[in-house]
Amino acid sequence: MRRLPVTGTGKGTNTKAWHAEIDIVESGSEVRAEARLRGKDGGQLIGEGSARCNPADENVPAIGDELATARALSDLSHQLLSRAAHDIEVHTARPVERLHA
């Protein structure tokens, strides 16, 4: 994984711009979502999620989109927490016991 860059503007102020993009692909009763978080210089993380309609349920594509997207964003969130824990450990030379969301 590559590190997301930080950009600064103004004295004593850092403004960071991370851009999120979500692609959703439907195929029959299955939906896959990919959430990309990009930094200014091309660094990115990718989260993935999927959903499948139970054959006994009515097929409502919007619900599948929501579930797959939520799962992709959750995957992305866990990756960010793992990266933060790693960075803390590198910076402090001590293991991280837990991070609060």
N, C-alpha and C. Protein backbone atom coordinates (compact mmCIF):
# COMPACT_ATOMS: atom_id res chain seq x y z
N MET A 1 0.83 -1.17 0.00
CA MET A 1 0.00 0.00 0.00
C MET A 1 0.88 1.24 0.00
N ARG A 2 0.44 2.22 -0.74
CA ARG A 2 1.18 3.48 -0.76
C ARG A 2 0.54 4.46 0.20
N ARG A 3 1.35 5.34 0.75
CA ARG A 3 0.89 6.36 1.68
C ARG A 3 0.14 7.46 0.94
N LEU A 4 -0.98 7.90 1.52
CA LEU A 4 -1.72 9.02 0.95
C LEU A 4 -1.00 10.31 1.29
N PRO A 5 -0.83 11.21 0.32
CA PRO A 5 -0.09 12.44 0.57
C PRO A 5 -0.92 13.47 1.34
N VAL A 6 -0.21 14.39 1.96
CA VAL A 6 -0.84 15.49 2.69
C VAL A 6 -0.40 16.78 2.01
N THR A 7 -1.34 17.67 1.75
CA THR A 7 -1.01 18.96 1.17
C THR A 7 -1.34 20.04 2.17
N GLY A 8 -0.56 21.11 2.19
CA GLY A 8 -0.80 22.19 3.14
C GLY A 8 -1.08 23.49 2.42
N THR A 9 -1.89 24.34 3.06
CA THR A 9 -2.14 25.68 2.55
C THR A 9 -2.20 26.62 3.73
N GLY A 10 -1.63 27.79 3.58
CA GLY A 10 -1.70 28.80 4.63
C GLY A 10 -0.74 28.52 5.77
N LYS A 11 -0.53 29.54 6.60
CA LYS A 11 0.36 29.40 7.75
C LYS A 11 -0.32 28.62 8.86
N GLY A 12 0.35 27.59 9.34
CA GLY A 12 -0.16 26.82 10.45
C GLY A 12 -1.41 26.00 10.14
N THR A 13 -1.78 25.93 8.90
CA THR A 13 -2.98 25.19 8.52
C THR A 13 -2.62 24.15 7.48
N ASN A 14 -3.09 22.93 7.70
CA ASN A 14 -2.92 21.88 6.70
C ASN A 14 -4.29 21.49 6.20
N THR A 15 -4.46 21.55 4.91
CA THR A 15 -5.69 21.09 4.29
C THR A 15 -5.36 19.83 3.52
N LYS A 16 -6.07 18.77 3.84
CA LYS A 16 -5.84 17.50 3.17
C LYS A 16 -7.01 17.21 2.25
N ALA A 17 -6.71 16.75 1.06
CA ALA A 17 -7.76 16.41 0.11
C ALA A 17 -7.62 14.95 -0.27
N TRP A 18 -8.55 14.15 0.22
CA TRP A 18 -8.64 12.76 -0.18
C TRP A 18 -9.94 12.61 -0.94
N HIS A 19 -9.89 11.89 -2.04
CA HIS A 19 -11.07 11.74 -2.89
C HIS A 19 -11.55 10.30 -2.89
N ALA A 20 -12.83 10.11 -2.63
CA ALA A 20 -13.41 8.77 -2.62
C ALA A 20 -14.24 8.57 -3.88
N GLU A 21 -14.14 7.39 -4.44
CA GLU A 21 -14.92 7.02 -5.62
C GLU A 21 -15.42 5.60 -5.41
N ILE A 22 -16.68 5.38 -5.73
CA ILE A 22 -17.27 4.06 -5.55
C ILE A 22 -17.81 3.58 -6.89
N ASP A 23 -17.37 2.41 -7.31
CA ASP A 23 -17.89 1.77 -8.52
C ASP A 23 -18.75 0.60 -8.10
N ILE A 24 -19.92 0.49 -8.71
CA ILE A 24 -20.87 -0.58 -8.40
C ILE A 24 -21.16 -1.34 -9.69
N VAL A 25 -21.01 -2.66 -9.63
CA VAL A 25 -21.28 -3.50 -10.80
C VAL A 25 -22.32 -4.54 -10.40
N GLU A 26 -23.43 -4.55 -11.13
CA GLU A 26 -24.49 -5.53 -10.89
C GLU A 26 -24.41 -6.63 -11.93
N SER A 27 -24.54 -7.86 -11.46
CA SER A 27 -24.53 -9.00 -12.36
C SER A 27 -25.56 -9.99 -11.84
N GLY A 28 -26.73 -10.00 -12.46
CA GLY A 28 -27.81 -10.87 -12.00
C GLY A 28 -28.27 -10.45 -10.62
N SER A 29 -28.20 -11.37 -9.67
CA SER A 29 -28.64 -11.07 -8.31
C SER A 29 -27.46 -10.68 -7.41
N GLU A 30 -26.26 -10.53 -8.00
CA GLU A 30 -25.08 -10.17 -7.22
C GLU A 30 -24.62 -8.75 -7.56
N VAL A 31 -24.17 -8.04 -6.52
CA VAL A 31 -23.65 -6.68 -6.68
C VAL A 31 -22.27 -6.63 -6.04
N ARG A 32 -21.32 -6.04 -6.74
CA ARG A 32 -19.97 -5.83 -6.20
C ARG A 32 -19.69 -4.33 -6.21
N ALA A 33 -19.09 -3.86 -5.11
CA ALA A 33 -18.71 -2.45 -5.02
C ALA A 33 -17.23 -2.36 -4.70
N GLU A 34 -16.61 -1.34 -5.26
CA GLU A 34 -15.20 -1.07 -5.00
C GLU A 34 -15.11 0.40 -4.60
N ALA A 35 -14.60 0.66 -3.39
CA ALA A 35 -14.44 2.02 -2.88
C ALA A 35 -12.96 2.36 -2.93
N ARG A 36 -12.64 3.42 -3.66
CA ARG A 36 -11.25 3.86 -3.77
C ARG A 36 -11.08 5.18 -3.02
N LEU A 37 -10.03 5.25 -2.22
CA LEU A 37 -9.68 6.49 -1.54
C LEU A 37 -8.34 6.92 -2.10
N ARG A 38 -8.34 8.10 -2.73
CA ARG A 38 -7.14 8.57 -3.42
C ARG A 38 -6.61 9.85 -2.79
N GLY A 39 -5.28 9.93 -2.76
CA GLY A 39 -4.61 11.15 -2.34
C GLY A 39 -4.16 11.92 -3.57
N LYS A 40 -3.66 13.11 -3.35
CA LYS A 40 -3.28 14.02 -4.45
C LYS A 40 -2.25 13.41 -5.40
N ASP A 41 -1.26 12.72 -4.87
CA ASP A 41 -0.17 12.21 -5.71
C ASP A 41 -0.38 10.79 -6.21
N GLY A 42 -1.61 10.32 -6.22
CA GLY A 42 -1.89 9.02 -6.80
C GLY A 42 -1.92 7.86 -5.83
N GLY A 43 -1.58 8.07 -4.55
CA GLY A 43 -1.68 6.98 -3.58
C GLY A 43 -3.15 6.60 -3.39
N GLN A 44 -3.42 5.34 -3.18
CA GLN A 44 -4.81 4.93 -3.01
C GLN A 44 -4.95 3.67 -2.17
N LEU A 45 -6.10 3.53 -1.56
CA LEU A 45 -6.53 2.32 -0.90
C LEU A 45 -7.81 1.88 -1.58
N ILE A 46 -8.03 0.57 -1.63
CA ILE A 46 -9.24 0.05 -2.27
C ILE A 46 -9.94 -0.90 -1.32
N GLY A 47 -11.21 -0.63 -1.07
CA GLY A 47 -12.05 -1.51 -0.27
C GLY A 47 -13.04 -2.22 -1.18
N GLU A 48 -13.36 -3.46 -0.86
CA GLU A 48 -14.28 -4.23 -1.68
C GLU A 48 -15.44 -4.75 -0.85
N GLY A 49 -16.60 -4.82 -1.48
CA GLY A 49 -17.77 -5.36 -0.82
C GLY A 49 -18.71 -5.97 -1.83
N SER A 50 -19.56 -6.88 -1.36
CA SER A 50 -20.52 -7.50 -2.27
C SER A 50 -21.82 -7.79 -1.53
N ALA A 51 -22.85 -8.02 -2.30
CA ALA A 51 -24.16 -8.38 -1.76
C ALA A 51 -24.84 -9.28 -2.78
N ARG A 52 -25.68 -10.16 -2.26
CA ARG A 52 -26.39 -11.09 -3.13
C ARG A 52 -27.83 -11.18 -2.65
N CYS A 53 -28.74 -11.14 -3.56
CA CYS A 53 -30.15 -11.23 -3.23
C CYS A 53 -30.50 -12.68 -2.90
N ASN A 54 -31.15 -12.87 -1.77
CA ASN A 54 -31.65 -14.19 -1.41
C ASN A 54 -32.73 -14.57 -2.43
N PRO A 55 -32.68 -15.77 -3.00
CA PRO A 55 -33.68 -16.15 -4.01
C PRO A 55 -35.12 -16.06 -3.50
N ALA A 56 -35.33 -16.15 -2.20
CA ALA A 56 -36.68 -16.07 -1.64
C ALA A 56 -37.16 -14.63 -1.50
N ASP A 57 -36.25 -13.65 -1.64
CA ASP A 57 -36.60 -12.24 -1.46
C ASP A 57 -36.84 -11.56 -2.80
N GLU A 58 -37.58 -10.47 -2.76
CA GLU A 58 -37.78 -9.64 -3.94
C GLU A 58 -36.45 -8.97 -4.28
N ASN A 59 -36.10 -8.93 -5.56
CA ASN A 59 -34.85 -8.30 -5.99
C ASN A 59 -35.04 -6.79 -6.05
N VAL A 60 -34.40 -6.08 -5.11
CA VAL A 60 -34.44 -4.61 -5.07
C VAL A 60 -33.00 -4.13 -5.24
N PRO A 61 -32.60 -3.78 -6.48
CA PRO A 61 -31.21 -3.43 -6.75
C PRO A 61 -30.64 -2.34 -5.84
N ALA A 62 -31.44 -1.35 -5.47
CA ALA A 62 -30.94 -0.26 -4.63
C ALA A 62 -30.45 -0.77 -3.28
N ILE A 63 -31.11 -1.78 -2.74
CA ILE A 63 -30.69 -2.34 -1.45
C ILE A 63 -29.35 -3.07 -1.61
N GLY A 64 -29.20 -3.81 -2.68
CA GLY A 64 -27.93 -4.48 -2.95
C GLY A 64 -26.80 -3.49 -3.11
N ASP A 65 -27.08 -2.37 -3.81
CA ASP A 65 -26.07 -1.32 -3.98
C ASP A 65 -25.64 -0.77 -2.62
N GLU A 66 -26.62 -0.52 -1.75
CA GLU A 66 -26.33 0.02 -0.42
C GLU A 66 -25.49 -0.95 0.40
N LEU A 67 -25.86 -2.22 0.40
CA LEU A 67 -25.12 -3.21 1.18
C LEU A 67 -23.69 -3.39 0.66
N ALA A 68 -23.55 -3.53 -0.64
CA ALA A 68 -22.22 -3.73 -1.22
C ALA A 68 -21.33 -2.50 -0.95
N THR A 69 -21.91 -1.31 -1.09
CA THR A 69 -21.15 -0.08 -0.85
C THR A 69 -20.75 0.03 0.62
N ALA A 70 -21.69 -0.25 1.53
CA ALA A 70 -21.38 -0.20 2.96
C ALA A 70 -20.25 -1.17 3.30
N ARG A 71 -20.28 -2.34 2.70
CA ARG A 71 -19.24 -3.34 2.98
C ARG A 71 -17.90 -2.91 2.39
N ALA A 72 -17.90 -2.28 1.23
CA ALA A 72 -16.66 -1.77 0.64
C ALA A 72 -16.08 -0.65 1.50
N LEU A 73 -16.94 0.24 1.99
CA LEU A 73 -16.47 1.33 2.85
C LEU A 73 -15.97 0.80 4.19
N SER A 74 -16.61 -0.23 4.71
CA SER A 74 -16.17 -0.85 5.95
C SER A 74 -14.79 -1.47 5.76
N ASP A 75 -14.58 -2.16 4.64
CA ASP A 75 -13.28 -2.73 4.33
C ASP A 75 -12.22 -1.63 4.26
N LEU A 76 -12.55 -0.53 3.60
CA LEU A 76 -11.65 0.61 3.49
C LEU A 76 -11.33 1.18 4.87
N SER A 77 -12.34 1.31 5.71
CA SER A 77 -12.16 1.82 7.07
C SER A 77 -11.19 0.95 7.87
N HIS A 78 -11.35 -0.37 7.77
CA HIS A 78 -10.46 -1.28 8.48
C HIS A 78 -9.02 -1.16 7.98
N GLN A 79 -8.87 -0.96 6.69
CA GLN A 79 -7.52 -0.77 6.15
C GLN A 79 -6.88 0.50 6.69
N LEU A 80 -7.67 1.57 6.79
CA LEU A 80 -7.15 2.83 7.32
C LEU A 80 -6.74 2.68 8.80
N LEU A 81 -7.56 1.98 9.57
CA LEU A 81 -7.22 1.74 10.98
C LEU A 81 -5.95 0.91 11.10
N SER A 82 -5.80 -0.10 10.26
CA SER A 82 -4.58 -0.92 10.27
C SER A 82 -3.36 -0.08 9.92
N ARG A 83 -3.51 0.78 8.95
CA ARG A 83 -2.40 1.65 8.55
C ARG A 83 -2.04 2.60 9.69
N ALA A 84 -3.05 3.17 10.34
CA ALA A 84 -2.80 4.08 11.46
C ALA A 84 -2.08 3.35 12.58
N ALA A 85 -2.51 2.13 12.90
CA ALA A 85 -1.87 1.35 13.95
C ALA A 85 -0.40 1.08 13.59
N HIS A 86 -0.16 0.70 12.36
CA HIS A 86 1.21 0.46 11.91
C HIS A 86 2.06 1.73 12.04
N ASP A 87 1.52 2.85 11.59
CA ASP A 87 2.26 4.11 11.65
C ASP A 87 2.55 4.53 13.09
N ILE A 88 1.60 4.30 13.99
CA ILE A 88 1.82 4.61 15.41
C ILE A 88 2.94 3.73 15.96
N GLU A 89 2.91 2.44 15.62
CA GLU A 89 3.94 1.52 16.10
C GLU A 89 5.32 1.91 15.59
N VAL A 90 5.40 2.32 14.34
CA VAL A 90 6.68 2.75 13.77
C VAL A 90 7.16 4.01 14.48
N HIS A 91 6.25 4.93 14.73
CA HIS A 91 6.61 6.22 15.34
C HIS A 91 7.00 6.06 16.82
N THR A 92 6.30 5.21 17.55
CA THR A 92 6.53 5.09 18.99
C THR A 92 7.41 3.90 19.38
N ALA A 93 7.64 2.99 18.45
CA ALA A 93 8.38 1.76 18.71
C ALA A 93 7.71 0.91 19.79
N ARG A 94 6.39 1.05 19.89
CA ARG A 94 5.60 0.23 20.84
C ARG A 94 4.37 -0.30 20.10
N PRO A 95 3.94 -1.50 20.47
CA PRO A 95 2.75 -2.06 19.81
C PRO A 95 1.48 -1.29 20.21
N VAL A 96 0.58 -1.17 19.28
CA VAL A 96 -0.73 -0.57 19.53
C VAL A 96 -1.64 -1.66 20.08
N GLU A 97 -2.25 -1.39 21.22
CA GLU A 97 -3.12 -2.39 21.82
C GLU A 97 -4.55 -2.28 21.28
N ARG A 98 -5.01 -1.06 21.05
CA ARG A 98 -6.33 -0.90 20.45
C ARG A 98 -6.52 0.54 19.99
N LEU A 99 -7.33 0.69 18.96
CA LEU A 99 -7.70 2.00 18.44
C LEU A 99 -9.20 2.16 18.54
N HIS A 100 -9.65 3.32 18.93
CA HIS A 100 -11.09 3.59 18.97
C HIS A 100 -11.49 4.30 17.69
N ALA A 101 -12.65 3.94 17.18
CA ALA A 101 -13.16 4.57 15.96
C ALA A 101 -13.80 5.90 16.30
